[in-house]
Amino acid sequence: MEQTWLTVDELAAVLKVSPKSIRRAYRKGEIPVDRFCRFVRFDLERVKEALQAKGHSSSLVLPQKNEGQRSATGGASRRRAQRTRPRLGKTGASIAQTPRRKK
């Protein structure tokens, strides 16, 4: 049996998913990957077997939302917490207030 090595883009085209989904899946260990130096290649038969073993029907599923995490309603993003201590270093206003040194 001859192995055909596919790139991320080629595998994404065969499985009809985005390349980002392929990268996410092999980083999580959901699909087998072979590394040659810094390149990643996939054997289509091994990938299909791994997806069938995990219960996926030859396509990758979107990650499920965790019940503990809540997203902001209405598409609004959450604000970050304000800093409690003062900023270290000089800012533009504090630099302008300091007198210049005379030579």
N, C-alpha and C. Protein backbone atom coordinates (compact mmCIF):
# COMPACT_ATOMS: atom_id res chain seq x y z
N MET A 1 0.84 -1.17 0.00
CA MET A 1 0.00 0.00 0.00
C MET A 1 0.89 1.25 0.00
N GLU A 2 0.68 2.11 -0.93
CA GLU A 2 1.48 3.32 -1.06
C GLU A 2 0.85 4.44 -0.25
N GLN A 3 1.69 5.13 0.52
CA GLN A 3 1.19 6.23 1.33
C GLN A 3 1.26 7.53 0.54
N THR A 4 0.22 8.30 0.64
CA THR A 4 0.20 9.61 0.02
C THR A 4 0.22 10.64 1.14
N TRP A 5 1.23 11.47 1.15
CA TRP A 5 1.37 12.48 2.19
C TRP A 5 0.68 13.76 1.76
N LEU A 6 -0.22 14.25 2.58
CA LEU A 6 -0.98 15.45 2.28
C LEU A 6 -0.55 16.59 3.19
N THR A 7 -0.59 17.80 2.67
CA THR A 7 -0.33 18.99 3.48
C THR A 7 -1.61 19.37 4.21
N VAL A 8 -1.52 20.39 5.03
CA VAL A 8 -2.69 20.87 5.78
C VAL A 8 -3.79 21.33 4.81
N ASP A 9 -3.40 22.11 3.81
CA ASP A 9 -4.39 22.63 2.86
C ASP A 9 -5.02 21.52 2.03
N GLU A 10 -4.22 20.54 1.62
CA GLU A 10 -4.76 19.43 0.83
C GLU A 10 -5.73 18.58 1.65
N LEU A 11 -5.36 18.29 2.90
CA LEU A 11 -6.24 17.51 3.77
C LEU A 11 -7.53 18.27 4.06
N ALA A 12 -7.43 19.57 4.24
CA ALA A 12 -8.62 20.39 4.48
C ALA A 12 -9.56 20.35 3.28
N ALA A 13 -8.99 20.36 2.07
CA ALA A 13 -9.82 20.29 0.87
C ALA A 13 -10.50 18.93 0.75
N VAL A 14 -9.80 17.86 1.09
CA VAL A 14 -10.38 16.52 1.00
C VAL A 14 -11.50 16.35 2.02
N LEU A 15 -11.27 16.81 3.25
CA LEU A 15 -12.28 16.64 4.31
C LEU A 15 -13.34 17.73 4.30
N LYS A 16 -13.15 18.76 3.45
CA LYS A 16 -14.10 19.87 3.32
C LYS A 16 -14.28 20.63 4.63
N VAL A 17 -13.14 20.94 5.26
CA VAL A 17 -13.10 21.78 6.45
C VAL A 17 -12.02 22.83 6.24
N SER A 18 -11.92 23.76 7.16
CA SER A 18 -10.92 24.82 7.01
C SER A 18 -9.55 24.31 7.47
N PRO A 19 -8.48 24.89 6.93
CA PRO A 19 -7.13 24.51 7.40
C PRO A 19 -6.93 24.79 8.89
N LYS A 20 -7.61 25.78 9.40
CA LYS A 20 -7.52 26.10 10.83
C LYS A 20 -8.05 24.94 11.68
N SER A 21 -9.11 24.29 11.19
CA SER A 21 -9.66 23.14 11.91
C SER A 21 -8.69 21.97 11.91
N ILE A 22 -7.98 21.79 10.80
CA ILE A 22 -6.99 20.72 10.71
C ILE A 22 -5.86 20.98 11.70
N ARG A 23 -5.35 22.20 11.74
CA ARG A 23 -4.26 22.53 12.66
C ARG A 23 -4.70 22.34 14.11
N ARG A 24 -5.90 22.77 14.42
CA ARG A 24 -6.43 22.62 15.78
C ARG A 24 -6.53 21.14 16.15
N ALA A 25 -6.97 20.32 15.21
CA ALA A 25 -7.16 18.90 15.49
C ALA A 25 -5.83 18.17 15.71
N TYR A 26 -4.81 18.47 14.91
CA TYR A 26 -3.57 17.75 15.12
C TYR A 26 -2.81 18.27 16.34
N ARG A 27 -3.01 19.51 16.71
CA ARG A 27 -2.38 20.00 17.94
C ARG A 27 -3.02 19.39 19.18
N LYS A 28 -4.33 19.13 19.10
CA LYS A 28 -5.03 18.48 20.22
C LYS A 28 -4.79 16.98 20.24
N GLY A 29 -4.26 16.42 19.14
CA GLY A 29 -4.02 14.99 19.08
C GLY A 29 -5.21 14.20 18.56
N GLU A 30 -6.17 14.87 17.93
CA GLU A 30 -7.35 14.18 17.42
C GLU A 30 -7.06 13.44 16.12
N ILE A 31 -6.10 13.90 15.34
CA ILE A 31 -5.73 13.21 14.10
C ILE A 31 -4.23 12.97 14.11
N PRO A 32 -3.78 11.85 13.53
CA PRO A 32 -2.35 11.54 13.51
C PRO A 32 -1.60 12.43 12.52
N VAL A 33 -0.40 12.80 12.89
CA VAL A 33 0.42 13.68 12.07
C VAL A 33 1.84 13.12 12.03
N ASP A 34 2.50 13.26 10.90
CA ASP A 34 3.90 12.88 10.75
C ASP A 34 4.69 14.14 10.47
N ARG A 35 5.77 14.30 11.20
CA ARG A 35 6.60 15.50 11.04
C ARG A 35 7.89 15.13 10.31
N PHE A 36 8.19 15.90 9.28
CA PHE A 36 9.44 15.78 8.56
C PHE A 36 10.14 17.12 8.71
N CYS A 37 11.17 17.15 9.54
CA CYS A 37 11.85 18.40 9.91
C CYS A 37 10.80 19.34 10.50
N ARG A 38 10.52 20.44 9.84
CA ARG A 38 9.51 21.35 10.38
C ARG A 38 8.19 21.27 9.64
N PHE A 39 8.08 20.32 8.71
CA PHE A 39 6.86 20.16 7.92
C PHE A 39 5.95 19.12 8.55
N VAL A 40 4.65 19.33 8.44
CA VAL A 40 3.70 18.33 8.90
C VAL A 40 2.99 17.74 7.69
N ARG A 41 2.84 16.43 7.70
CA ARG A 41 2.17 15.73 6.61
C ARG A 41 1.21 14.71 7.22
N PHE A 42 0.16 14.41 6.46
CA PHE A 42 -0.89 13.52 6.94
C PHE A 42 -1.08 12.38 5.96
N ASP A 43 -1.30 11.18 6.50
CA ASP A 43 -1.68 10.04 5.69
C ASP A 43 -3.21 9.97 5.73
N LEU A 44 -3.83 10.07 4.56
CA LEU A 44 -5.29 10.18 4.49
C LEU A 44 -5.98 8.98 5.12
N GLU A 45 -5.48 7.78 4.89
CA GLU A 45 -6.12 6.57 5.45
C GLU A 45 -6.06 6.58 6.98
N ARG A 46 -4.92 6.93 7.54
CA ARG A 46 -4.79 6.97 9.00
C ARG A 46 -5.69 8.04 9.60
N VAL A 47 -5.82 9.18 8.93
CA VAL A 47 -6.68 10.26 9.42
C VAL A 47 -8.13 9.81 9.41
N LYS A 48 -8.56 9.17 8.32
CA LYS A 48 -9.95 8.70 8.24
C LYS A 48 -10.24 7.65 9.31
N GLU A 49 -9.29 6.74 9.54
CA GLU A 49 -9.47 5.73 10.58
C GLU A 49 -9.58 6.37 11.96
N ALA A 50 -8.75 7.38 12.22
CA ALA A 50 -8.79 8.06 13.53
C ALA A 50 -10.11 8.80 13.72
N LEU A 51 -10.61 9.43 12.66
CA LEU A 51 -11.88 10.15 12.77
C LEU A 51 -13.05 9.20 12.98
N GLN A 52 -13.02 8.04 12.31
CA GLN A 52 -14.09 7.06 12.50
C GLN A 52 -14.04 6.46 13.89
N ALA A 53 -12.83 6.25 14.43
CA ALA A 53 -12.69 5.69 15.77
C ALA A 53 -13.21 6.66 16.83
N LYS A 54 -13.08 7.95 16.58
CA LYS A 54 -13.56 8.94 17.53
C LYS A 54 -15.03 9.29 17.32
N GLY A 55 -15.65 8.71 16.30
CA GLY A 55 -17.06 8.95 16.09
C GLY A 55 -17.38 10.09 15.16
N HIS A 56 -16.37 10.68 14.52
CA HIS A 56 -16.59 11.75 13.56
C HIS A 56 -16.85 11.13 12.19
N SER A 57 -17.74 11.73 11.44
CA SER A 57 -18.04 11.20 10.11
C SER A 57 -17.22 11.93 9.05
N SER A 58 -15.96 11.58 8.95
CA SER A 58 -14.99 12.11 7.98
C SER A 58 -14.92 13.63 7.93
N SER A 59 -15.37 14.28 8.97
CA SER A 59 -15.19 15.73 9.07
C SER A 59 -14.96 16.05 10.54
N LEU A 60 -14.33 17.14 10.77
CA LEU A 60 -14.03 17.54 12.13
C LEU A 60 -15.19 18.35 12.68
N VAL A 61 -15.49 18.15 13.95
CA VAL A 61 -16.59 18.89 14.56
C VAL A 61 -16.05 20.13 15.24
N LEU A 62 -16.89 21.12 15.40
CA LEU A 62 -16.50 22.34 16.08
C LEU A 62 -16.36 22.06 17.57
N PRO A 63 -15.45 22.75 18.23
CA PRO A 63 -15.30 22.53 19.66
C PRO A 63 -16.56 22.94 20.41
N GLN A 64 -16.91 22.15 21.42
CA GLN A 64 -18.12 22.42 22.18
C GLN A 64 -17.85 23.48 23.22
N LYS A 65 -18.88 24.29 23.50
CA LYS A 65 -18.75 25.33 24.52
C LYS A 65 -18.76 24.68 25.89
N ASN A 66 -17.92 25.17 26.77
CA ASN A 66 -17.94 24.72 28.14
C ASN A 66 -19.11 25.38 28.85
N GLU A 67 -19.78 24.61 29.69
CA GLU A 67 -20.95 25.15 30.36
C GLU A 67 -20.56 26.20 31.40
N GLY A 68 -19.35 26.11 31.94
CA GLY A 68 -18.92 27.05 32.96
C GLY A 68 -18.59 28.42 32.39
N GLN A 69 -18.26 28.48 31.11
CA GLN A 69 -17.90 29.75 30.51
C GLN A 69 -19.13 30.40 29.91
N ARG A 70 -19.28 31.69 30.15
CA ARG A 70 -20.39 32.42 29.56
C ARG A 70 -19.82 33.49 28.66
N SER A 71 -20.43 33.67 27.53
CA SER A 71 -19.97 34.73 26.64
C SER A 71 -20.84 35.96 26.86
N ALA A 72 -20.32 37.09 26.43
CA ALA A 72 -21.06 38.33 26.59
C ALA A 72 -22.29 38.31 25.68
N THR A 73 -23.38 38.88 26.16
CA THR A 73 -24.61 38.86 25.39
C THR A 73 -24.60 39.93 24.31
N GLY A 74 -25.28 39.67 23.25
CA GLY A 74 -25.43 40.65 22.19
C GLY A 74 -24.17 40.92 21.39
N GLY A 75 -23.19 40.04 21.50
CA GLY A 75 -21.96 40.23 20.75
C GLY A 75 -21.02 41.25 21.35
N ALA A 76 -21.36 41.79 22.51
CA ALA A 76 -20.49 42.78 23.14
C ALA A 76 -19.32 42.07 23.82
N SER A 77 -18.18 42.68 23.76
CA SER A 77 -17.02 42.07 24.40
C SER A 77 -16.96 42.50 25.86
N ARG A 78 -16.30 41.69 26.65
CA ARG A 78 -16.17 42.01 28.06
C ARG A 78 -15.03 42.99 28.27
N ARG A 79 -15.19 43.85 29.25
CA ARG A 79 -14.12 44.79 29.58
C ARG A 79 -13.13 44.11 30.50
N ARG A 80 -11.89 44.53 30.37
CA ARG A 80 -10.86 44.01 31.25
C ARG A 80 -10.94 44.69 32.60
N ALA A 81 -10.46 44.02 33.62
CA ALA A 81 -10.45 44.60 34.96
C ALA A 81 -9.46 45.76 34.99
N GLN A 82 -9.82 46.79 35.72
CA GLN A 82 -8.96 47.96 35.83
C GLN A 82 -7.77 47.65 36.74
N ARG A 83 -6.66 48.30 36.47
CA ARG A 83 -5.48 48.11 37.30
C ARG A 83 -5.71 48.77 38.66
N THR A 84 -5.25 48.12 39.70
CA THR A 84 -5.45 48.66 41.04
C THR A 84 -4.27 49.51 41.49
N ARG A 85 -3.09 49.26 41.02
CA ARG A 85 -1.93 50.04 41.44
C ARG A 85 -1.55 51.02 40.33
N PRO A 86 -0.84 52.06 40.68
CA PRO A 86 -0.47 53.06 39.67
C PRO A 86 0.53 52.49 38.67
N ARG A 87 0.51 53.03 37.50
CA ARG A 87 1.41 52.60 36.44
C ARG A 87 2.84 53.01 36.79
N LEU A 88 3.77 52.12 36.55
CA LEU A 88 5.16 52.41 36.82
C LEU A 88 5.77 53.09 35.60
N GLY A 89 6.72 53.96 35.84
CA GLY A 89 7.36 54.65 34.74
C GLY A 89 6.73 56.00 34.51
N LYS A 90 7.36 56.77 33.66
CA LYS A 90 6.87 58.12 33.41
C LYS A 90 5.94 58.12 32.21
N THR A 91 4.90 58.90 32.33
CA THR A 91 3.98 59.06 31.21
C THR A 91 4.22 60.42 30.59
N GLY A 92 3.55 60.74 29.53
CA GLY A 92 3.73 62.00 28.85
C GLY A 92 3.45 63.20 29.73
N ALA A 93 2.43 63.13 30.58
CA ALA A 93 2.06 64.25 31.43
C ALA A 93 3.11 64.47 32.51
N SER A 94 3.65 63.41 33.08
CA SER A 94 4.63 63.58 34.16
C SER A 94 5.98 64.03 33.61
N ILE A 95 6.31 63.68 32.40
CA ILE A 95 7.56 64.13 31.79
C ILE A 95 7.49 65.63 31.52
N ALA A 96 6.35 66.11 31.09
CA ALA A 96 6.19 67.53 30.78
C ALA A 96 6.29 68.39 32.03
N GLN A 97 5.95 67.87 33.20
CA GLN A 97 5.98 68.64 34.43
C GLN A 97 7.38 68.77 35.02
N THR A 98 8.27 67.86 34.73
CA THR A 98 9.61 67.91 35.31
C THR A 98 10.44 68.99 34.60
N PRO A 99 11.13 69.81 35.36
CA PRO A 99 11.96 70.86 34.71
C PRO A 99 13.18 70.25 34.03
N ARG A 100 13.65 70.91 33.01
CA ARG A 100 14.83 70.44 32.29
C ARG A 100 16.09 70.83 33.05
N ARG A 101 17.10 70.01 32.90
CA ARG A 101 18.37 70.29 33.54
C ARG A 101 19.14 71.34 32.75
N LYS A 102 19.80 72.21 33.46
CA LYS A 102 20.63 73.20 32.81
C LYS A 102 22.06 72.66 32.72
N LYS A 103 22.72 72.99 31.64
CA LYS A 103 24.10 72.51 31.45
C LYS A 103 25.09 73.38 32.12
